[in-house]
Amino acid sequence: MKSRKTLDTANRFDPIAMAHDVGVRSQHAYTAGFASIVISLAAWLLSRGKNDDKAQSDRWGIFIGHWAPTFFAIGLALKKEE
């Protein structure tokens, strides 16, 4: 069983509240999400244009494309904080 001090420390750590306190707002996260979609497409197109193999191009696009849902989830959490 965890000690009371450990539980208090765990309850105080709130990265969303900390981000909100320093001025990060939900609109910033939503903008980053949409930007990551555009960057994902651009990275895929640029990688394809450099005559890289198709698999490498797809991996770049997918890697950056995974950022969008994370930014949107952070945006929702920040919206709740606001």
PDB file of N, CA and C in Angstrom:
ATOM      1  N   MET A   1       0.841  -1.181   0.000  1.00  0.00           N
ATOM      2  CA  MET A   1       0.000   0.000   0.000  1.00  0.00           C
ATOM      3  C   MET A   1       0.889   1.248   0.000  1.00  0.00           C
ATOM      4  N   LYS A   2       0.513   2.246  -0.776  1.00  0.00           N
ATOM      5  CA  LYS A   2       1.316   3.463  -0.882  1.00  0.00           C
ATOM      6  C   LYS A   2       1.100   4.341   0.344  1.00  0.00           C
ATOM      7  N   SER A   3       2.157   5.051   0.678  1.00  0.00           N
ATOM      8  CA  SER A   3       2.050   5.969   1.814  1.00  0.00           C
ATOM      9  C   SER A   3       1.251   7.200   1.432  1.00  0.00           C
ATOM     10  N   ARG A   4       0.776   7.905   2.413  1.00  0.00           N
ATOM     11  CA  ARG A   4      -0.023   9.118   2.182  1.00  0.00           C
ATOM     12  C   ARG A   4       0.798  10.180   1.437  1.00  0.00           C
ATOM     13  N   LYS A   5       2.088  10.290   1.786  1.00  0.00           N
ATOM     14  CA  LYS A   5       2.950  11.275   1.140  1.00  0.00           C
ATOM     15  C   LYS A   5       3.098  10.977  -0.356  1.00  0.00           C
ATOM     16  N   THR A   6       3.249   9.699  -0.697  1.00  0.00           N
ATOM     17  CA  THR A   6       3.375   9.309  -2.096  1.00  0.00           C
ATOM     18  C   THR A   6       2.092   9.637  -2.859  1.00  0.00           C
ATOM     19  N   LEU A   7       0.944   9.374  -2.262  1.00  0.00           N
ATOM     20  CA  LEU A   7      -0.323   9.676  -2.913  1.00  0.00           C
ATOM     21  C   LEU A   7      -0.511  11.173  -3.094  1.00  0.00           C
ATOM     22  N   ASP A   8      -0.116  11.972  -2.105  1.00  0.00           N
ATOM     23  CA  ASP A   8      -0.236  13.423  -2.226  1.00  0.00           C
ATOM     24  C   ASP A   8       0.642  13.952  -3.352  1.00  0.00           C
ATOM     25  N   THR A   9       1.846  13.421  -3.462  1.00  0.00           N
ATOM     26  CA  THR A   9       2.756  13.840  -4.522  1.00  0.00           C
ATOM     27  C   THR A   9       2.190  13.454  -5.882  1.00  0.00           C
ATOM     28  N   ALA A  10       1.630  12.263  -5.992  1.00  0.00           N
ATOM     29  CA  ALA A  10       1.057  11.812  -7.258  1.00  0.00           C
ATOM     30  C   ALA A  10      -0.147  12.660  -7.638  1.00  0.00           C
ATOM     31  N   ASN A  11      -0.933  13.078  -6.673  1.00  0.00           N
ATOM     32  CA  ASN A  11      -2.110  13.893  -6.962  1.00  0.00           C
ATOM     33  C   ASN A  11      -1.748  15.316  -7.362  1.00  0.00           C
ATOM     34  N   ARG A  12      -0.611  15.799  -6.949  1.00  0.00           N
ATOM     35  CA  ARG A  12      -0.192  17.166  -7.285  1.00  0.00           C
ATOM     36  C   ARG A  12       0.371  17.273  -8.690  1.00  0.00           C
ATOM     37  N   PHE A  13       0.882  16.197  -9.232  1.00  0.00           N
ATOM     38  CA  PHE A  13       1.497  16.261 -10.556  1.00  0.00           C
ATOM     39  C   PHE A  13       0.403  16.240 -11.611  1.00  0.00           C
ATOM     40  N   ASP A  14       0.169  17.380 -12.233  1.00  0.00           N
ATOM     41  CA  ASP A  14      -0.855  17.505 -13.263  1.00  0.00           C
ATOM     42  C   ASP A  14      -0.267  18.297 -14.428  1.00  0.00           C
ATOM     43  N   PRO A  15       0.277  17.602 -15.436  1.00  0.00           N
ATOM     44  CA  PRO A  15       0.935  18.312 -16.532  1.00  0.00           C
ATOM     45  C   PRO A  15      -0.020  19.203 -17.329  1.00  0.00           C
ATOM     46  N   ILE A  16      -1.282  18.832 -17.411  1.00  0.00           N
ATOM     47  CA  ILE A  16      -2.238  19.667 -18.135  1.00  0.00           C
ATOM     48  C   ILE A  16      -2.461  20.979 -17.397  1.00  0.00           C
ATOM     49  N   ALA A  17      -2.627  20.911 -16.083  1.00  0.00           N
ATOM     50  CA  ALA A  17      -2.792  22.129 -15.285  1.00  0.00           C
ATOM     51  C   ALA A  17      -1.534  22.986 -15.357  1.00  0.00           C
ATOM     52  N   MET A  18      -0.370  22.347 -15.334  1.00  0.00           N
ATOM     53  CA  MET A  18       0.885  23.106 -15.424  1.00  0.00           C
ATOM     54  C   MET A  18       0.989  23.807 -16.773  1.00  0.00           C
ATOM     55  N   ALA A  19       0.627  23.111 -17.857  1.00  0.00           N
ATOM     56  CA  ALA A  19       0.669  23.725 -19.188  1.00  0.00           C
ATOM     57  C   ALA A  19      -0.314  24.892 -19.255  1.00  0.00           C
ATOM     58  N   HIS A  20      -1.488  24.712 -18.681  1.00  0.00           N
ATOM     59  CA  HIS A  20      -2.492  25.783 -18.664  1.00  0.00           C
ATOM     60  C   HIS A  20      -1.978  26.988 -17.879  1.00  0.00           C
ATOM     61  N   ASP A  21      -1.319  26.719 -16.773  1.00  0.00           N
ATOM     62  CA  ASP A  21      -0.795  27.806 -15.930  1.00  0.00           C
ATOM     63  C   ASP A  21       0.275  28.634 -16.628  1.00  0.00           C
ATOM     64  N   VAL A  22       1.027  28.013 -17.547  1.00  0.00           N
ATOM     65  CA  VAL A  22       2.066  28.774 -18.253  1.00  0.00           C
ATOM     66  C   VAL A  22       1.544  29.407 -19.538  1.00  0.00           C
ATOM     67  N   GLY A  23       0.245  29.233 -19.817  1.00  0.00           N
ATOM     68  CA  GLY A  23      -0.348  29.938 -20.939  1.00  0.00           C
ATOM     69  C   GLY A  23      -0.695  29.112 -22.165  1.00  0.00           C
ATOM     70  N   VAL A  24      -0.519  27.801 -22.096  1.00  0.00           N
ATOM     71  CA  VAL A  24      -0.891  26.951 -23.223  1.00  0.00           C
ATOM     72  C   VAL A  24      -2.409  26.772 -23.186  1.00  0.00           C
ATOM     73  N   ARG A  25      -3.061  27.035 -24.284  1.00  0.00           N
ATOM     74  CA  ARG A  25      -4.516  26.936 -24.367  1.00  0.00           C
ATOM     75  C   ARG A  25      -4.923  25.856 -25.358  1.00  0.00           C
ATOM     76  N   SER A  26      -6.172  25.462 -25.318  1.00  0.00           N
ATOM     77  CA  SER A  26      -6.666  24.393 -26.184  1.00  0.00           C
ATOM     78  C   SER A  26      -6.474  24.739 -27.658  1.00  0.00           C
ATOM     79  N   GLN A  27      -6.658  26.008 -28.011  1.00  0.00           N
ATOM     80  CA  GLN A  27      -6.472  26.420 -29.405  1.00  0.00           C
ATOM     81  C   GLN A  27      -5.056  26.149 -29.888  1.00  0.00           C
ATOM     82  N   HIS A  28      -4.076  26.295 -29.008  1.00  0.00           N
ATOM     83  CA  HIS A  28      -2.693  26.008 -29.389  1.00  0.00           C
ATOM     84  C   HIS A  28      -2.536  24.526 -29.738  1.00  0.00           C
ATOM     85  N   ALA A  29      -3.119  23.663 -28.931  1.00  0.00           N
ATOM     86  CA  ALA A  29      -3.012  22.225 -29.175  1.00  0.00           C
ATOM     87  C   ALA A  29      -3.763  21.833 -30.442  1.00  0.00           C
ATOM     88  N   TYR A  30      -4.962  22.419 -30.660  1.00  0.00           N
ATOM     89  CA  TYR A  30      -5.711  22.111 -31.878  1.00  0.00           C
ATOM     90  C   TYR A  30      -4.946  22.565 -33.117  1.00  0.00           C
ATOM     91  N   THR A  31      -4.344  23.731 -33.045  1.00  0.00           N
ATOM     92  CA  THR A  31      -3.543  24.235 -34.163  1.00  0.00           C
ATOM     93  C   THR A  31      -2.358  23.306 -34.430  1.00  0.00           C
ATOM     94  N   ALA A  32      -1.708  22.846 -33.377  1.00  0.00           N
ATOM     95  CA  ALA A  32      -0.587  21.912 -33.535  1.00  0.00           C
ATOM     96  C   ALA A  32      -1.059  20.599 -34.153  1.00  0.00           C
ATOM     97  N   GLY A  33      -2.254  20.153 -33.798  1.00  0.00           N
ATOM     98  CA  GLY A  33      -2.801  18.931 -34.386  1.00  0.00           C
ATOM     99  C   GLY A  33      -3.020  19.064 -35.873  1.00  0.00           C
ATOM    100  N   PHE A  34      -3.644  20.172 -36.287  1.00  0.00           N
ATOM    101  CA  PHE A  34      -3.861  20.379 -37.722  1.00  0.00           C
ATOM    102  C   PHE A  34      -2.538  20.603 -38.450  1.00  0.00           C
ATOM    103  N   ALA A  35      -1.607  21.292 -37.810  1.00  0.00           N
ATOM    104  CA  ALA A  35      -0.292  21.503 -38.430  1.00  0.00           C
ATOM    105  C   ALA A  35       0.431  20.175 -38.621  1.00  0.00           C
ATOM    106  N   SER A  36       0.297  19.264 -37.668  1.00  0.00           N
ATOM    107  CA  SER A  36       0.982  17.978 -37.802  1.00  0.00           C
ATOM    108  C   SER A  36       0.408  17.160 -38.951  1.00  0.00           C
ATOM    109  N   ILE A  37      -0.884  17.335 -39.237  1.00  0.00           N
ATOM    110  CA  ILE A  37      -1.470  16.660 -40.400  1.00  0.00           C
ATOM    111  C   ILE A  37      -0.832  17.194 -41.677  1.00  0.00           C
ATOM    112  N   VAL A  38      -0.704  18.508 -41.773  1.00  0.00           N
ATOM    113  CA  VAL A  38      -0.087  19.124 -42.955  1.00  0.00           C
ATOM    114  C   VAL A  38       1.385  18.719 -43.057  1.00  0.00           C
ATOM    115  N   ILE A  39       2.096  18.737 -41.939  1.00  0.00           N
ATOM    116  CA  ILE A  39       3.516  18.357 -41.946  1.00  0.00           C
ATOM    117  C   ILE A  39       3.669  16.892 -42.327  1.00  0.00           C
ATOM    118  N   SER A  40       2.749  16.045 -41.873  1.00  0.00           N
ATOM    119  CA  SER A  40       2.783  14.629 -42.227  1.00  0.00           C
ATOM    120  C   SER A  40       2.668  14.442 -43.736  1.00  0.00           C
ATOM    121  N   LEU A  41       1.724  15.141 -44.336  1.00  0.00           N
ATOM    122  CA  LEU A  41       1.552  15.057 -45.783  1.00  0.00           C
ATOM    123  C   LEU A  41       2.785  15.598 -46.512  1.00  0.00           C
ATOM    124  N   ALA A  42       3.306  16.720 -46.032  1.00  0.00           N
ATOM    125  CA  ALA A  42       4.494  17.309 -46.662  1.00  0.00           C
ATOM    126  C   ALA A  42       5.699  16.380 -46.543  1.00  0.00           C
ATOM    127  N   ALA A  43       5.888  15.778 -45.370  1.00  0.00           N
ATOM    128  CA  ALA A  43       7.020  14.860 -45.186  1.00  0.00           C
ATOM    129  C   ALA A  43       6.885  13.654 -46.099  1.00  0.00           C
ATOM    130  N   TRP A  44       5.676  13.157 -46.245  1.00  0.00           N
ATOM    131  CA  TRP A  44       5.451  12.014 -47.127  1.00  0.00           C
ATOM    132  C   TRP A  44       5.753  12.383 -48.580  1.00  0.00           C
ATOM    133  N   LEU A  45       5.242  13.542 -49.003  1.00  0.00           N
ATOM    134  CA  LEU A  45       5.473  13.967 -50.386  1.00  0.00           C
ATOM    135  C   LEU A  45       6.951  14.248 -50.664  1.00  0.00           C
ATOM    136  N   LEU A  46       7.620  14.923 -49.719  1.00  0.00           N
ATOM    137  CA  LEU A  46       9.044  15.215 -49.901  1.00  0.00           C
ATOM    138  C   LEU A  46       9.877  13.942 -49.913  1.00  0.00           C
ATOM    139  N   SER A  47       9.534  13.006 -49.062  1.00  0.00           N
ATOM    140  CA  SER A  47      10.265  11.745 -49.025  1.00  0.00           C
ATOM    141  C   SER A  47      10.062  10.960 -50.316  1.00  0.00           C
ATOM    142  N   ARG A  48       8.851  11.020 -50.855  1.00  0.00           N
ATOM    143  CA  ARG A  48       8.580  10.348 -52.134  1.00  0.00           C
ATOM    144  C   ARG A  48       9.348  11.024 -53.267  1.00  0.00           C
ATOM    145  N   GLY A  49       9.476  12.344 -53.206  1.00  0.00           N
ATOM    146  CA  GLY A  49      10.162  13.095 -54.244  1.00  0.00           C
ATOM    147  C   GLY A  49      11.659  12.866 -54.275  1.00  0.00           C
ATOM    148  N   LYS A  50      12.231  12.424 -53.157  1.00  0.00           N
ATOM    149  CA  LYS A  50      13.679  12.193 -53.088  1.00  0.00           C
ATOM    150  C   LYS A  50      14.052  10.794 -53.550  1.00  0.00           C
ATOM    151  N   ASN A  51      13.117  10.119 -54.185  1.00  0.00           N
ATOM    152  CA  ASN A  51      13.336   8.760 -54.689  1.00  0.00           C
ATOM    153  C   ASN A  51      13.641   7.759 -53.578  1.00  0.00           C
ATOM    154  N   ASP A  52      13.161   8.051 -52.371  1.00  0.00           N
ATOM    155  CA  ASP A  52      13.244   7.043 -51.315  1.00  0.00           C
ATOM    156  C   ASP A  52      12.267   5.932 -51.652  1.00  0.00           C
ATOM    157  N   ASP A  53      12.503   4.784 -51.066  1.00  0.00           N
ATOM    158  CA  ASP A  53      11.551   3.716 -51.341  1.00  0.00           C
ATOM    159  C   ASP A  53      10.195   4.037 -50.708  1.00  0.00           C
ATOM    160  N   LYS A  54       9.162   3.424 -51.221  1.00  0.00           N
ATOM    161  CA  LYS A  54       7.798   3.718 -50.793  1.00  0.00           C
ATOM    162  C   LYS A  54       7.619   3.448 -49.304  1.00  0.00           C
ATOM    163  N   ALA A  55       8.214   2.396 -48.791  1.00  0.00           N
ATOM    164  CA  ALA A  55       8.047   2.045 -47.383  1.00  0.00           C
ATOM    165  C   ALA A  55       8.609   3.139 -46.467  1.00  0.00           C
ATOM    166  N   GLN A  56       9.763   3.675 -46.832  1.00  0.00           N
ATOM    167  CA  GLN A  56      10.359   4.738 -46.009  1.00  0.00           C
ATOM    168  C   GLN A  56       9.487   5.991 -46.032  1.00  0.00           C
ATOM    169  N   SER A  57       8.952   6.329 -47.179  1.00  0.00           N
ATOM    170  CA  SER A  57       8.060   7.485 -47.290  1.00  0.00           C
ATOM    171  C   SER A  57       6.829   7.298 -46.425  1.00  0.00           C
ATOM    172  N   ASP A  58       6.260   6.106 -46.489  1.00  0.00           N
ATOM    173  CA  ASP A  58       5.073   5.818 -45.685  1.00  0.00           C
ATOM    174  C   ASP A  58       5.380   5.906 -44.196  1.00  0.00           C
ATOM    175  N   ARG A  59       6.539   5.407 -43.797  1.00  0.00           N
ATOM    176  CA  ARG A  59       6.903   5.457 -42.365  1.00  0.00           C
ATOM    177  C   ARG A  59       7.025   6.889 -41.873  1.00  0.00           C
ATOM    178  N   TRP A  60       7.619   7.782 -42.673  1.00  0.00           N
ATOM    179  CA  TRP A  60       7.733   9.182 -42.262  1.00  0.00           C
ATOM    180  C   TRP A  60       6.357   9.817 -42.090  1.00  0.00           C
ATOM    181  N   GLY A  61       5.484   9.595 -43.061  1.00  0.00           N
ATOM    182  CA  GLY A  61       4.145  10.164 -42.990  1.00  0.00           C
ATOM    183  C   GLY A  61       3.358   9.634 -41.804  1.00  0.00           C
ATOM    184  N   ILE A  62       3.445   8.331 -41.564  1.00  0.00           N
ATOM    185  CA  ILE A  62       2.720   7.728 -40.442  1.00  0.00           C
ATOM    186  C   ILE A  62       3.288   8.209 -39.115  1.00  0.00           C
ATOM    187  N   PHE A  63       4.621   8.283 -39.001  1.00  0.00           N
ATOM    188  CA  PHE A  63       5.242   8.722 -37.753  1.00  0.00           C
ATOM    189  C   PHE A  63       4.754  10.111 -37.355  1.00  0.00           C
ATOM    190  N   ILE A  64       4.804  11.040 -38.277  1.00  0.00           N
ATOM    191  CA  ILE A  64       4.371  12.404 -37.967  1.00  0.00           C
ATOM    192  C   ILE A  64       2.851  12.457 -37.835  1.00  0.00           C
ATOM    193  N   GLY A  65       2.143  11.631 -38.584  1.00  0.00           N
ATOM    194  CA  GLY A  65       0.692  11.589 -38.502  1.00  0.00           C
ATOM    195  C   GLY A  65       0.172  11.134 -37.153  1.00  0.00           C
ATOM    196  N   HIS A  66       0.970  10.383 -36.427  1.00  0.00           N
ATOM    197  CA  HIS A  66       0.556   9.944 -35.090  1.00  0.00           C
ATOM    198  C   HIS A  66       0.547  11.093 -34.080  1.00  0.00           C
ATOM    199  N   TRP A  67       1.155  12.192 -34.393  1.00  0.00           N
ATOM    200  CA  TRP A  67       1.172  13.330 -33.470  1.00  0.00           C
ATOM    201  C   TRP A  67      -0.199  13.981 -33.356  1.00  0.00           C
ATOM    202  N   ALA A  68      -0.958  14.012 -34.459  1.00  0.00           N
ATOM    203  CA  ALA A  68      -2.233  14.733 -34.488  1.00  0.00           C
ATOM    204  C   ALA A  68      -3.204  14.282 -33.390  1.00  0.00           C
ATOM    205  N   PRO A  69      -3.471  12.982 -33.231  1.00  0.00           N
ATOM    206  CA  PRO A  69      -4.409  12.594 -32.176  1.00  0.00           C
ATOM    207  C   PRO A  69      -3.924  12.977 -30.781  1.00  0.00           C
ATOM    208  N   THR A  70      -2.616  12.957 -30.587  1.00  0.00           N
ATOM    209  CA  THR A  70      -2.068  13.355 -29.293  1.00  0.00           C
ATOM    210  C   THR A  70      -2.338  14.828 -29.033  1.00  0.00           C
ATOM    211  N   PHE A  71      -2.089  15.664 -30.018  1.00  0.00           N
ATOM    212  CA  PHE A  71      -2.360  17.094 -29.854  1.00  0.00           C
ATOM    213  C   PHE A  71      -3.847  17.362 -29.640  1.00  0.00           C
ATOM    214  N   PHE A  72      -4.706  16.642 -30.362  1.00  0.00           N
ATOM    215  CA  PHE A  72      -6.145  16.842 -30.181  1.00  0.00           C
ATOM    216  C   PHE A  72      -6.594  16.403 -28.787  1.00  0.00           C
ATOM    217  N   ALA A  73      -6.029  15.312 -28.268  1.00  0.00           N
ATOM    218  CA  ALA A  73      -6.361  14.857 -26.916  1.00  0.00           C
ATOM    219  C   ALA A  73      -5.891  15.876 -25.872  1.00  0.00           C
ATOM    220  N   ILE A  74      -4.703  16.420 -26.072  1.00  0.00           N
ATOM    221  CA  ILE A  74      -4.210  17.460 -25.165  1.00  0.00           C
ATOM    222  C   ILE A  74      -5.114  18.684 -25.253  1.00  0.00           C
ATOM    223  N   GLY A  75      -5.569  19.024 -26.446  1.00  0.00           N
ATOM    224  CA  GLY A  75      -6.503  20.144 -26.620  1.00  0.00           C
ATOM    225  C   GLY A  75      -7.785  19.933 -25.861  1.00  0.00           C
ATOM    226  N   LEU A  76      -8.312  18.717 -25.893  1.00  0.00           N
ATOM    227  CA  LEU A  76      -9.538  18.432 -25.139  1.00  0.00           C
ATOM    228  C   LEU A  76      -9.304  18.558 -23.631  1.00  0.00           C
ATOM    229  N   ALA A  77      -8.170  18.059 -23.178  1.00  0.00           N
ATOM    230  CA  ALA A  77      -7.850  18.162 -21.751  1.00  0.00           C
ATOM    231  C   ALA A  77      -7.673  19.617 -21.332  1.00  0.00           C
ATOM    232  N   LEU A  78      -7.034  20.405 -22.175  1.00  0.00           N
ATOM    233  CA  LEU A  78      -6.864  21.826 -21.877  1.00  0.00           C
ATOM    234  C   LEU A  78      -8.210  22.550 -21.903  1.00  0.00           C
ATOM    235  N   LYS A  79      -9.100  22.160 -22.820  1.00  0.00           N
ATOM    236  CA  LYS A  79     -10.422  22.783 -22.882  1.00  0.00           C
ATOM    237  C   LYS A  79     -11.180  22.525 -21.587  1.00  0.00           C
ATOM    238  N   LYS A  80     -11.032  21.322 -21.056  1.00  0.00           N
ATOM    239  CA  LYS A  80     -11.666  20.989 -19.775  1.00  0.00           C
ATOM    240  C   LYS A  80     -11.077  21.839 -18.647  1.00  0.00           C
ATOM    241  N   GLU A  81      -9.795  22.084 -18.726  1.00  0.00           N
ATOM    242  CA  GLU A  81      -9.098  22.903 -17.711  1.00  0.00           C
ATOM    243  C   GLU A  81      -9.546  24.370 -17.781  1.00  0.00           C
ATOM    244  N   GLU A  82      -9.864  24.828 -18.998  1.00  0.00           N
ATOM    245  CA  GLU A  82     -10.279  26.224 -19.179  1.00  0.00           C
ATOM    246  C   GLU A  82     -11.669  26.415 -18.612  1.00  0.00           C
TER     247      GLU A  82
END
